[in-house]
N, C-alpha and C. Protein backbone atom coordinates (compact mmCIF):
# COMPACT_ATOMS: atom_id res chain seq x y z
N MET A 1 -9.53 17.23 -8.03
CA MET A 1 -8.04 16.86 -7.55
C MET A 1 -7.60 15.91 -8.12
N PRO A 2 -6.51 15.54 -8.56
CA PRO A 2 -5.80 14.25 -9.07
C PRO A 2 -5.91 12.83 -7.98
N LYS A 3 -6.05 12.03 -8.31
CA LYS A 3 -6.24 10.95 -7.43
C LYS A 3 -4.89 10.82 -6.67
N LEU A 4 -3.66 10.96 -7.09
CA LEU A 4 -2.42 10.86 -6.47
C LEU A 4 -2.52 11.99 -5.01
N TRP A 5 -2.92 13.02 -5.44
CA TRP A 5 -3.19 14.10 -4.49
C TRP A 5 -3.97 13.76 -3.32
N ASN A 6 -5.13 13.17 -3.64
CA ASN A 6 -6.15 12.70 -2.58
C ASN A 6 -5.69 11.73 -1.76
N GLU A 7 -5.09 10.50 -2.63
CA GLU A 7 -4.08 9.52 -1.76
C GLU A 7 -3.17 10.06 -0.68
N THR A 8 -2.38 10.86 -1.21
CA THR A 8 -1.31 11.60 -0.51
C THR A 8 -2.10 12.30 0.93
N ILE A 9 -3.00 12.97 0.60
CA ILE A 9 -3.69 13.88 1.63
C ILE A 9 -4.26 12.51 2.62
N ASP A 10 -4.94 11.62 2.22
CA ASP A 10 -5.58 10.63 3.07
C ASP A 10 -4.70 9.88 3.83
N ALA A 11 -3.28 9.64 3.10
CA ALA A 11 -2.21 8.93 3.89
C ALA A 11 -1.73 9.73 4.95
N HIS A 12 -1.65 11.20 4.69
CA HIS A 12 -1.14 12.04 5.69
C HIS A 12 -2.07 12.12 6.91
N ARG A 13 -3.51 12.08 6.57
CA ARG A 13 -4.59 12.32 7.79
C ARG A 13 -4.26 10.91 8.68
N ALA A 14 -4.18 9.79 7.77
CA ALA A 14 -4.25 8.57 8.65
C ALA A 14 -2.93 8.43 9.43
N ALA A 15 -1.95 8.94 8.86
CA ALA A 15 -0.61 9.15 9.82
C ALA A 15 -0.65 9.96 11.02
N VAL A 16 -1.33 11.26 10.88
CA VAL A 16 -1.38 11.94 11.79
C VAL A 16 -2.51 11.48 12.96
N ARG A 17 -3.65 10.75 12.58
CA ARG A 17 -4.73 10.09 13.39
C ARG A 17 -3.84 8.99 14.28
N GLU A 18 -2.90 8.26 13.56
CA GLU A 18 -2.32 7.29 14.19
C GLU A 18 -1.27 7.68 15.23
N ALA A 19 -0.42 8.80 14.85
CA ALA A 19 0.31 9.55 15.81
C ALA A 19 -0.43 10.01 17.00
N ILE A 20 -1.56 10.62 16.88
CA ILE A 20 -2.25 11.07 17.98
C ILE A 20 -2.83 9.71 18.92
N LEU A 21 -3.06 8.71 18.36
CA LEU A 21 -3.63 7.69 19.09
C LEU A 21 -2.29 6.78 19.85
N ASP A 22 -1.12 7.04 19.10
CA ASP A 22 0.25 6.26 19.70
C ASP A 22 0.39 7.28 21.08
N THR A 23 0.36 8.46 20.58
CA THR A 23 0.83 9.59 22.02
C THR A 23 -0.53 9.17 23.03
N THR A 24 -1.44 9.12 22.53
CA THR A 24 -2.34 8.93 23.67
C THR A 24 -2.28 7.60 24.31
N ALA A 25 -1.87 6.39 23.93
CA ALA A 25 -1.47 5.08 24.33
C ALA A 25 -0.44 5.35 25.26
N LYS A 26 0.72 6.12 25.01
CA LYS A 26 1.67 6.41 25.99
C LYS A 26 1.26 7.17 27.04
N LEU A 27 0.44 8.21 27.00
CA LEU A 27 0.09 8.74 28.02
C LEU A 27 -0.78 8.21 29.13
N VAL A 28 -1.66 7.13 28.52
CA VAL A 28 -2.80 6.49 29.26
C VAL A 28 -1.65 5.48 30.08
N ALA A 29 -0.74 4.93 29.40
CA ALA A 29 0.34 4.21 30.14
C ALA A 29 1.02 4.80 31.30
N GLN A 30 1.47 6.05 31.00
CA GLN A 30 1.99 6.73 32.19
C GLN A 30 1.17 7.17 33.27
N GLY A 31 0.00 7.76 32.81
CA GLY A 31 -0.59 8.24 34.01
C GLY A 31 -2.28 7.78 34.19
N GLY A 32 -2.60 6.82 33.43
CA GLY A 32 -3.98 6.57 33.29
C GLY A 32 -4.97 7.32 32.50
N LEU A 33 -6.17 6.39 32.30
CA LEU A 33 -7.07 7.37 31.28
C LEU A 33 -7.56 8.85 31.92
N ARG A 34 -7.60 8.85 33.15
CA ARG A 34 -8.27 10.28 33.70
C ARG A 34 -7.23 11.40 33.41
N SER A 35 -5.83 10.93 33.33
CA SER A 35 -4.82 12.05 33.28
C SER A 35 -4.57 12.70 31.95
N VAL A 36 -5.02 12.09 31.05
CA VAL A 36 -4.87 12.56 29.33
C VAL A 36 -5.60 13.98 29.24
N THR A 37 -5.01 14.97 28.72
CA THR A 37 -5.44 16.11 28.37
C THR A 37 -5.04 16.28 26.90
N MET A 38 -6.06 17.18 26.23
CA MET A 38 -5.55 17.71 24.78
C MET A 38 -4.49 18.19 24.70
N SER A 39 -4.13 19.15 25.49
CA SER A 39 -2.68 19.80 25.59
C SER A 39 -1.57 18.94 25.34
N GLN A 40 -1.58 17.96 26.37
CA GLN A 40 -0.66 16.82 26.42
C GLN A 40 -0.31 16.11 25.16
N ILE A 41 -1.44 15.67 24.58
CA ILE A 41 -1.80 15.05 23.18
C ILE A 41 -1.15 15.66 22.25
N ALA A 42 -1.58 17.07 21.97
CA ALA A 42 -1.14 17.79 21.13
C ALA A 42 0.56 18.11 21.04
N GLU A 43 0.96 18.44 22.38
CA GLU A 43 2.42 18.76 22.45
C GLU A 43 3.14 17.52 22.21
N GLN A 44 2.78 16.29 22.60
CA GLN A 44 3.69 15.05 22.52
C GLN A 44 3.55 14.48 21.21
N THR A 45 2.57 14.87 20.68
CA THR A 45 2.43 14.47 19.17
C THR A 45 3.09 15.34 18.08
N GLY A 46 3.54 16.49 18.77
CA GLY A 46 4.24 17.50 17.77
C GLY A 46 3.17 18.31 16.81
N ILE A 47 2.24 18.54 17.36
CA ILE A 47 1.02 19.22 16.42
C ILE A 47 0.45 20.29 17.30
N GLY A 48 -0.11 21.17 16.72
CA GLY A 48 -0.86 22.28 17.40
C GLY A 48 -2.01 21.82 18.00
N ARG A 49 -2.85 22.42 18.91
CA ARG A 49 -4.01 22.13 19.39
C ARG A 49 -5.19 22.45 18.50
N ALA A 50 -5.10 23.19 17.79
CA ALA A 50 -6.13 23.41 16.46
C ALA A 50 -6.06 22.38 15.58
N THR A 51 -4.73 21.87 15.42
CA THR A 51 -4.81 20.61 14.22
C THR A 51 -5.39 19.46 15.10
N LEU A 52 -5.16 19.13 16.35
CA LEU A 52 -5.67 18.06 17.12
C LEU A 52 -7.13 18.21 17.12
N TYR A 53 -7.81 19.54 17.24
CA TYR A 53 -9.26 19.66 17.15
C TYR A 53 -9.86 19.46 15.91
N LYS A 54 -9.06 19.27 14.83
CA LYS A 54 -9.63 19.04 13.55
C LYS A 54 -9.71 17.45 13.29
N TYR A 55 -9.26 16.74 14.30
CA TYR A 55 -9.34 15.30 14.07
C TYR A 55 -10.17 14.88 15.32
N PHE A 56 -10.31 15.14 16.43
CA PHE A 56 -11.01 14.90 17.61
C PHE A 56 -11.66 16.17 18.20
N SER A 57 -12.86 15.97 18.59
CA SER A 57 -13.62 17.19 19.49
C SER A 57 -13.01 17.37 20.86
N ASP A 58 -12.70 16.27 21.48
CA ASP A 58 -12.36 16.31 22.89
C ASP A 58 -11.67 15.36 23.39
N VAL A 59 -11.13 15.11 24.58
CA VAL A 59 -10.35 14.15 25.26
C VAL A 59 -11.13 12.83 24.98
N GLU A 60 -12.26 12.90 25.26
CA GLU A 60 -13.22 11.48 25.31
C GLU A 60 -13.08 11.01 24.02
N ALA A 61 -13.21 11.53 22.60
CA ALA A 61 -13.37 11.33 21.49
C ALA A 61 -11.82 10.62 21.13
N VAL A 62 -10.98 11.41 21.62
CA VAL A 62 -9.47 10.61 21.31
C VAL A 62 -9.51 9.06 22.17
N LEU A 63 -9.58 9.26 23.54
CA LEU A 63 -9.73 7.95 23.99
C LEU A 63 -10.56 6.92 23.47
N LEU A 64 -11.81 7.32 22.91
CA LEU A 64 -12.70 6.26 22.39
C LEU A 64 -12.13 5.75 21.15
N ALA A 65 -11.46 6.69 20.21
CA ALA A 65 -10.82 5.94 19.07
C ALA A 65 -9.65 5.23 19.64
N TRP A 66 -8.93 5.82 20.68
CA TRP A 66 -7.87 4.81 21.12
C TRP A 66 -8.13 3.33 21.49
N HIS A 67 -9.32 3.57 22.25
CA HIS A 67 -10.02 2.20 22.78
C HIS A 67 -10.54 1.37 21.66
N GLU A 68 -11.09 1.77 20.65
CA GLU A 68 -11.60 1.06 19.41
C GLU A 68 -10.30 0.44 18.81
N ARG A 69 -9.24 1.22 18.69
CA ARG A 69 -8.03 0.75 18.06
C ARG A 69 -7.49 -0.39 18.99
N GLN A 70 -7.59 -0.40 20.27
CA GLN A 70 -6.97 -1.37 21.26
C GLN A 70 -7.95 -2.75 20.95
N VAL A 71 -9.18 -2.54 21.01
CA VAL A 71 -10.16 -3.33 21.27
C VAL A 71 -9.85 -4.14 19.70
N THR A 72 -9.74 -3.70 18.72
CA THR A 72 -9.64 -4.28 17.12
C THR A 72 -8.24 -5.23 17.32
N ALA A 73 -7.21 -4.67 17.85
CA ALA A 73 -5.96 -5.10 18.08
C ALA A 73 -5.96 -6.30 19.00
N HIS A 74 -6.78 -6.53 19.90
CA HIS A 74 -6.93 -7.52 20.64
C HIS A 74 -7.71 -8.65 20.01
N LEU A 75 -8.61 -8.24 19.31
CA LEU A 75 -9.44 -9.28 18.68
C LEU A 75 -8.74 -10.02 17.77
N GLN A 76 -7.85 -9.37 16.93
CA GLN A 76 -6.98 -9.68 15.75
C GLN A 76 -6.00 -10.70 16.51
N GLN A 77 -5.53 -10.38 17.60
CA GLN A 77 -4.60 -11.13 18.22
C GLN A 77 -5.36 -12.59 18.85
N LEU A 78 -6.35 -12.56 19.18
CA LEU A 78 -7.18 -13.48 19.84
C LEU A 78 -7.42 -14.45 18.55
N ALA A 79 -7.96 -13.89 17.48
CA ALA A 79 -8.17 -14.54 16.38
C ALA A 79 -6.98 -15.38 15.92
N ALA A 80 -5.84 -14.74 15.60
CA ALA A 80 -4.62 -15.38 15.14
C ALA A 80 -4.08 -16.46 16.07
N ILE A 81 -4.25 -16.42 17.37
CA ILE A 81 -4.08 -17.35 18.41
C ILE A 81 -5.11 -18.44 17.96
N GLY A 82 -6.32 -18.36 17.91
CA GLY A 82 -7.33 -19.35 17.55
C GLY A 82 -7.22 -20.18 16.43
N ASP A 83 -6.49 -19.62 15.24
CA ASP A 83 -6.17 -20.18 14.09
C ASP A 83 -4.73 -20.94 14.08
N GLN A 84 -4.13 -20.91 15.14
CA GLN A 84 -2.65 -21.58 15.18
C GLN A 84 -3.15 -23.22 14.97
N SER A 85 -2.19 -23.90 14.88
CA SER A 85 -2.25 -25.25 14.77
C SER A 85 -2.32 -25.89 16.04
N GLY A 86 -2.93 -27.05 16.25
CA GLY A 86 -2.98 -27.78 17.41
C GLY A 86 -4.48 -28.13 17.58
N THR A 87 -4.91 -28.97 18.58
CA THR A 87 -6.34 -29.59 18.85
C THR A 87 -7.11 -28.22 19.15
N ALA A 88 -8.26 -28.48 19.24
CA ALA A 88 -9.37 -27.34 19.46
C ALA A 88 -9.05 -27.06 20.77
N VAL A 89 -8.88 -28.22 21.94
CA VAL A 89 -8.72 -27.63 23.24
C VAL A 89 -7.50 -26.69 23.27
N GLU A 90 -6.38 -27.34 22.70
CA GLU A 90 -5.11 -26.53 22.73
C GLU A 90 -5.34 -24.98 22.34
N ARG A 91 -6.04 -24.89 21.09
CA ARG A 91 -6.27 -23.47 20.67
C ARG A 91 -7.19 -22.64 21.88
N LEU A 92 -8.25 -23.45 22.08
CA LEU A 92 -9.10 -22.85 23.29
C LEU A 92 -8.42 -22.36 24.31
N LYS A 93 -7.71 -23.28 24.98
CA LYS A 93 -6.69 -22.76 26.02
C LYS A 93 -5.82 -21.51 25.70
N ALA A 94 -5.43 -21.53 24.84
CA ALA A 94 -4.17 -20.41 24.26
C ALA A 94 -5.22 -19.11 24.19
N VAL A 95 -6.54 -19.39 23.44
CA VAL A 95 -7.10 -18.12 23.25
C VAL A 95 -7.61 -17.52 24.76
N LEU A 96 -8.15 -18.50 25.64
CA LEU A 96 -8.55 -18.26 27.04
C LEU A 96 -7.63 -17.47 27.79
N GLU A 97 -6.40 -17.98 27.55
CA GLU A 97 -5.02 -17.62 28.63
C GLU A 97 -4.82 -16.05 27.96
N ALA A 98 -4.95 -15.81 26.54
CA ALA A 98 -4.68 -14.49 25.92
C ALA A 98 -5.83 -13.61 26.51
N TYR A 99 -6.85 -13.88 26.48
CA TYR A 99 -7.91 -13.18 26.71
C TYR A 99 -7.96 -12.66 28.25
N ALA A 100 -7.78 -13.73 29.29
CA ALA A 100 -7.48 -13.44 30.44
C ALA A 100 -6.32 -12.48 30.85
N GLY A 101 -5.29 -12.73 30.09
CA GLY A 101 -4.12 -11.61 30.12
C GLY A 101 -4.85 -10.00 29.84
N ILE A 102 -5.40 -9.90 28.39
CA ILE A 102 -6.01 -8.85 28.27
C ILE A 102 -7.11 -8.32 29.39
N ALA A 103 -8.02 -9.03 30.01
CA ALA A 103 -8.84 -8.78 30.89
C ALA A 103 -8.08 -8.12 32.17
N ARG A 104 -6.89 -8.70 32.46
CA ARG A 104 -6.13 -8.31 33.56
C ARG A 104 -5.53 -6.98 33.45
N GLN A 105 -5.36 -6.51 32.02
CA GLN A 105 -4.59 -5.29 31.84
C GLN A 105 -5.83 -4.17 31.77
N ARG A 106 -7.00 -4.32 31.96
CA ARG A 106 -7.97 -3.29 31.73
C ARG A 106 -7.93 -2.23 32.98
N HIS A 107 -8.28 -1.09 32.17
CA HIS A 107 -8.18 -0.13 33.35
C HIS A 107 -9.45 0.17 33.85
N GLY A 108 -9.57 0.47 35.35
CA GLY A 108 -10.71 0.72 35.78
C GLY A 108 -11.36 2.01 36.01
N GLY A 109 -12.44 2.21 36.61
CA GLY A 109 -13.04 3.47 36.98
C GLY A 109 -14.04 3.75 35.97
N GLU A 110 -14.70 5.11 36.04
CA GLU A 110 -15.88 5.81 35.34
C GLU A 110 -15.50 5.87 33.96
N LEU A 111 -14.28 6.41 33.70
CA LEU A 111 -14.04 6.62 32.15
C LEU A 111 -13.89 5.33 31.47
N ALA A 112 -13.18 4.13 31.94
CA ALA A 112 -13.02 2.78 31.48
C ALA A 112 -14.41 2.43 31.35
N ALA A 113 -15.30 2.32 32.18
CA ALA A 113 -16.75 1.84 32.06
C ALA A 113 -17.44 2.84 30.97
N LEU A 114 -17.25 3.90 30.84
CA LEU A 114 -17.88 4.56 29.59
C LEU A 114 -17.23 3.99 28.19
N LEU A 115 -15.96 3.76 28.14
CA LEU A 115 -15.20 3.28 26.88
C LEU A 115 -15.67 2.13 26.59
N HIS A 116 -16.12 1.15 27.51
CA HIS A 116 -16.67 -0.30 27.23
C HIS A 116 -17.94 -0.35 26.97
N GLN A 117 -18.58 0.94 26.77
CA GLN A 117 -20.23 0.53 26.57
C GLN A 117 -20.13 0.89 24.94
N GLY A 118 -19.21 1.24 24.11
CA GLY A 118 -19.21 1.60 22.68
C GLY A 118 -19.69 0.27 21.65
N GLU A 119 -20.40 0.99 20.57
CA GLU A 119 -20.83 -0.46 19.82
C GLU A 119 -19.64 -1.17 19.39
N HIS A 120 -18.32 -0.62 19.31
CA HIS A 120 -17.17 -1.56 19.03
C HIS A 120 -16.84 -2.45 19.96
N VAL A 121 -17.19 -2.41 21.28
CA VAL A 121 -17.07 -3.40 22.04
C VAL A 121 -18.10 -4.49 21.96
N THR A 122 -19.34 -4.04 21.73
CA THR A 122 -20.48 -5.13 21.49
C THR A 122 -20.14 -5.94 20.53
N HIS A 123 -19.47 -5.27 19.33
CA HIS A 123 -19.27 -6.22 18.01
C HIS A 123 -18.19 -7.15 18.16
N ALA A 124 -17.09 -6.43 19.16
CA ALA A 124 -15.93 -7.50 19.59
C ALA A 124 -16.26 -8.44 20.30
N GLU A 125 -17.22 -8.38 21.36
CA GLU A 125 -17.82 -9.35 22.23
C GLU A 125 -18.45 -10.37 21.44
N ARG A 126 -19.26 -9.96 20.47
CA ARG A 126 -20.14 -10.93 19.65
C ARG A 126 -19.05 -11.97 18.76
N HIS A 127 -17.95 -11.30 18.24
CA HIS A 127 -17.00 -11.86 17.37
C HIS A 127 -16.31 -12.90 18.19
N LEU A 128 -15.95 -12.36 19.38
CA LEU A 128 -15.17 -12.95 20.27
C LEU A 128 -16.17 -14.45 20.84
N HIS A 129 -17.07 -14.19 21.01
CA HIS A 129 -18.36 -15.28 21.69
C HIS A 129 -18.28 -16.43 20.24
N GLY A 130 -18.44 -15.86 19.19
CA GLY A 130 -18.49 -16.66 18.23
C GLY A 130 -17.06 -17.53 17.97
N MET A 131 -16.02 -17.04 17.98
CA MET A 131 -14.85 -17.64 17.94
C MET A 131 -14.70 -18.76 19.11
N LEU A 132 -15.02 -18.22 20.37
CA LEU A 132 -15.06 -19.43 21.37
C LEU A 132 -16.09 -20.49 20.94
N GLN A 133 -17.23 -20.26 20.54
CA GLN A 133 -18.28 -21.15 20.34
C GLN A 133 -17.66 -22.12 19.34
N HIS A 134 -17.22 -21.57 18.21
CA HIS A 134 -16.67 -22.61 17.37
C HIS A 134 -15.73 -23.36 17.79
N LEU A 135 -14.68 -22.92 18.69
CA LEU A 135 -13.57 -23.68 19.39
C LEU A 135 -14.28 -24.81 20.05
N LEU A 136 -15.17 -24.44 20.91
CA LEU A 136 -15.95 -25.20 21.94
C LEU A 136 -16.50 -26.23 21.10
N ALA A 137 -17.14 -26.20 20.14
CA ALA A 137 -18.25 -27.13 19.27
C ALA A 137 -17.08 -28.12 18.84
N GLN A 138 -15.99 -27.81 18.33
CA GLN A 138 -14.69 -28.48 17.60
C GLN A 138 -14.22 -29.41 18.83
N ALA A 139 -13.93 -28.73 20.01
CA ALA A 139 -13.49 -29.75 21.10
C ALA A 139 -14.55 -30.70 21.54
N ALA A 140 -15.77 -30.33 21.40
CA ALA A 140 -16.98 -31.15 22.14
C ALA A 140 -17.16 -32.33 21.21
N GLU A 141 -17.07 -31.98 19.67
CA GLU A 141 -17.08 -32.99 18.74
C GLU A 141 -16.14 -34.22 18.80
N ALA A 142 -14.70 -33.54 19.15
CA ALA A 142 -13.60 -34.47 19.28
C ALA A 142 -13.85 -35.38 20.64
N GLY A 143 -14.70 -34.83 21.53
CA GLY A 143 -14.83 -35.63 22.78
C GLY A 143 -13.77 -34.90 23.84
N ASP A 144 -13.17 -34.08 23.60
CA ASP A 144 -12.34 -33.48 24.69
C ASP A 144 -12.99 -32.59 25.59
N LEU A 145 -14.20 -32.05 25.16
CA LEU A 145 -15.06 -31.18 26.23
C LEU A 145 -16.46 -31.62 26.21
N ARG A 146 -17.26 -31.26 27.16
CA ARG A 146 -18.66 -31.62 27.31
C ARG A 146 -19.45 -31.18 26.30
N SER A 147 -20.48 -32.22 26.12
CA SER A 147 -21.38 -31.84 24.70
C SER A 147 -22.70 -31.71 25.53
N ASP A 148 -23.21 -31.78 26.74
CA ASP A 148 -24.19 -31.77 27.47
C ASP A 148 -24.83 -30.39 27.39
N VAL A 149 -23.91 -29.46 27.42
CA VAL A 149 -24.16 -27.92 27.35
C VAL A 149 -23.83 -27.47 25.92
N PRO A 150 -24.87 -26.53 25.52
CA PRO A 150 -24.54 -26.00 24.12
C PRO A 150 -23.51 -24.95 24.22
N PRO A 151 -22.59 -25.32 22.98
CA PRO A 151 -21.46 -24.39 22.86
C PRO A 151 -21.54 -22.72 23.12
N ALA A 152 -22.67 -22.08 22.66
CA ALA A 152 -23.14 -20.96 22.91
C ALA A 152 -23.03 -20.65 24.41
N GLU A 153 -23.46 -21.48 25.23
CA GLU A 153 -23.85 -21.14 26.71
C GLU A 153 -22.13 -21.27 27.53
N LEU A 154 -21.44 -22.51 26.90
CA LEU A 154 -20.15 -22.72 27.35
C LEU A 154 -19.30 -21.32 26.91
N ALA A 155 -19.44 -20.71 26.10
CA ALA A 155 -18.59 -19.53 25.40
C ALA A 155 -18.89 -18.44 26.59
N GLN A 156 -20.12 -18.05 26.77
CA GLN A 156 -20.65 -17.22 27.72
C GLN A 156 -20.16 -17.35 29.22
N TYR A 157 -19.96 -18.70 29.56
CA TYR A 157 -19.46 -19.03 30.82
C TYR A 157 -17.99 -18.67 30.96
N CYS A 158 -17.33 -18.90 29.81
CA CYS A 158 -15.91 -18.52 29.48
C CYS A 158 -15.50 -17.27 29.85
N LEU A 159 -16.45 -16.31 29.09
CA LEU A 159 -16.24 -14.83 28.98
C LEU A 159 -16.53 -14.40 30.36
N HIS A 160 -17.44 -14.76 30.89
CA HIS A 160 -17.75 -14.26 32.27
C HIS A 160 -16.85 -14.75 33.37
N ALA A 161 -16.65 -15.98 33.34
CA ALA A 161 -15.48 -16.45 34.46
C ALA A 161 -14.33 -15.76 34.26
N LEU A 162 -13.73 -15.22 32.96
CA LEU A 162 -12.25 -14.91 32.93
C LEU A 162 -12.14 -13.12 32.93
N THR A 163 -13.60 -12.68 33.20
CA THR A 163 -13.30 -11.18 33.53
C THR A 163 -12.85 -10.98 35.05
N ALA A 164 -13.05 -11.97 35.76
CA ALA A 164 -12.45 -12.21 37.00
C ALA A 164 -10.87 -11.86 37.13
N ALA A 165 -10.16 -11.86 35.88
CA ALA A 165 -8.78 -11.90 35.66
C ALA A 165 -8.42 -10.27 36.00
N ALA A 166 -9.42 -9.35 35.82
CA ALA A 166 -9.11 -7.94 35.85
C ALA A 166 -8.81 -7.67 37.44
N ALA A 167 -9.23 -8.58 38.41
CA ALA A 167 -8.97 -8.15 39.65
C ALA A 167 -7.79 -8.95 40.40
N LEU A 168 -7.18 -9.84 39.25
CA LEU A 168 -6.07 -10.71 39.92
C LEU A 168 -4.76 -10.00 39.84
N THR A 169 -3.78 -10.13 40.88
CA THR A 169 -2.35 -9.61 40.82
C THR A 169 -1.38 -10.41 40.22
N SER A 170 -1.60 -11.56 39.69
CA SER A 170 -0.31 -12.10 39.34
C SER A 170 -0.71 -12.97 38.03
N GLN A 171 0.12 -13.32 37.28
CA GLN A 171 0.06 -14.12 36.11
C GLN A 171 -0.24 -15.65 36.59
N THR A 172 0.32 -15.88 37.81
CA THR A 172 -0.03 -17.17 38.23
C THR A 172 -1.49 -17.43 38.70
N ALA A 173 -1.93 -16.27 39.14
CA ALA A 173 -3.50 -16.71 39.61
C ALA A 173 -4.09 -16.51 38.21
N VAL A 174 -3.63 -15.68 37.04
CA VAL A 174 -4.51 -15.86 36.01
C VAL A 174 -4.55 -17.09 35.24
N THR A 175 -3.32 -17.83 35.50
CA THR A 175 -3.27 -19.31 34.93
C THR A 175 -4.10 -20.33 35.79
N ARG A 176 -4.29 -20.01 37.00
CA ARG A 176 -4.84 -20.73 37.77
C ARG A 176 -6.53 -20.76 37.31
N LEU A 177 -6.86 -19.49 37.13
CA LEU A 177 -8.26 -19.22 36.86
C LEU A 177 -8.64 -19.69 35.54
N VAL A 178 -7.67 -19.53 34.53
CA VAL A 178 -7.94 -20.30 33.06
C VAL A 178 -8.16 -21.97 33.54
N THR A 179 -7.19 -22.26 34.04
CA THR A 179 -7.24 -23.92 34.46
C THR A 179 -8.62 -24.28 35.10
N VAL A 180 -9.13 -23.47 35.98
CA VAL A 180 -10.53 -23.69 36.50
C VAL A 180 -11.67 -23.54 35.65
N THR A 181 -11.49 -22.52 34.90
CA THR A 181 -12.43 -22.34 33.79
C THR A 181 -12.56 -23.47 32.90
N LEU A 182 -11.28 -24.13 32.37
CA LEU A 182 -11.42 -25.22 31.62
C LEU A 182 -12.00 -26.42 32.18
N ASP A 183 -11.65 -26.55 33.58
CA ASP A 183 -11.85 -27.90 34.20
C ASP A 183 -13.60 -27.76 34.02
N GLY A 184 -14.25 -26.64 34.17
CA GLY A 184 -15.63 -26.63 34.23
C GLY A 184 -16.10 -27.27 32.70
N LEU A 185 -15.26 -26.97 31.72
CA LEU A 185 -15.57 -27.45 30.23
C LEU A 185 -15.52 -28.87 30.00
N ARG A 186 -14.54 -29.78 30.88
CA ARG A 186 -14.46 -31.07 30.74
C ARG A 186 -15.50 -31.99 30.92
N PRO A 187 -15.62 -33.01 29.99
CA PRO A 187 -16.85 -33.89 29.97
C PRO A 187 -17.24 -34.45 31.22
N VAL A 188 -18.59 -34.57 31.71
CA VAL A 188 -18.91 -35.20 32.92
C VAL A 188 -18.84 -36.63 32.74
N PRO A 189 -18.25 -37.54 33.71
CA PRO A 189 -18.06 -38.81 33.73
C PRO A 189 -19.47 -39.48 33.78
């Protein structure tokens, strides 16, 4: 087949896949993870169920693909924040605030726990840990954060501390949690 034909087919498949994931995102937002069905996805995407099954074997596969896309987007968002101008502490605070905000939006339950077990989550966590470790090392080198604890341990501390944001009910509480987390990173007099 000609190259143009292959590129056209690939672009079409990618567009249909993205439309399926966009619809899934809307359905999750409307009713939660457990409420999504293959029939709803197909109908609201504007495709037949047979077409949907060519892309995904079941709802769990669709949700996993949607979740992978979400995790990738969050990681890109956090990396962009970490790359902004400012001191290492300012960038770290911005990343921690954004991460806590993302943690607060997590869906709970058995299905959410299943989605968070994927290799894509492990990869994202390693990447995020490295990003935080780098910012922490820069801030410690500048004398703005403690240097008596290795940056890798401090990054782990931050990630674990901020998972508590999932249970918080207000942005004010999230901001307080970030402040307390950052206070634990300050140099010991």
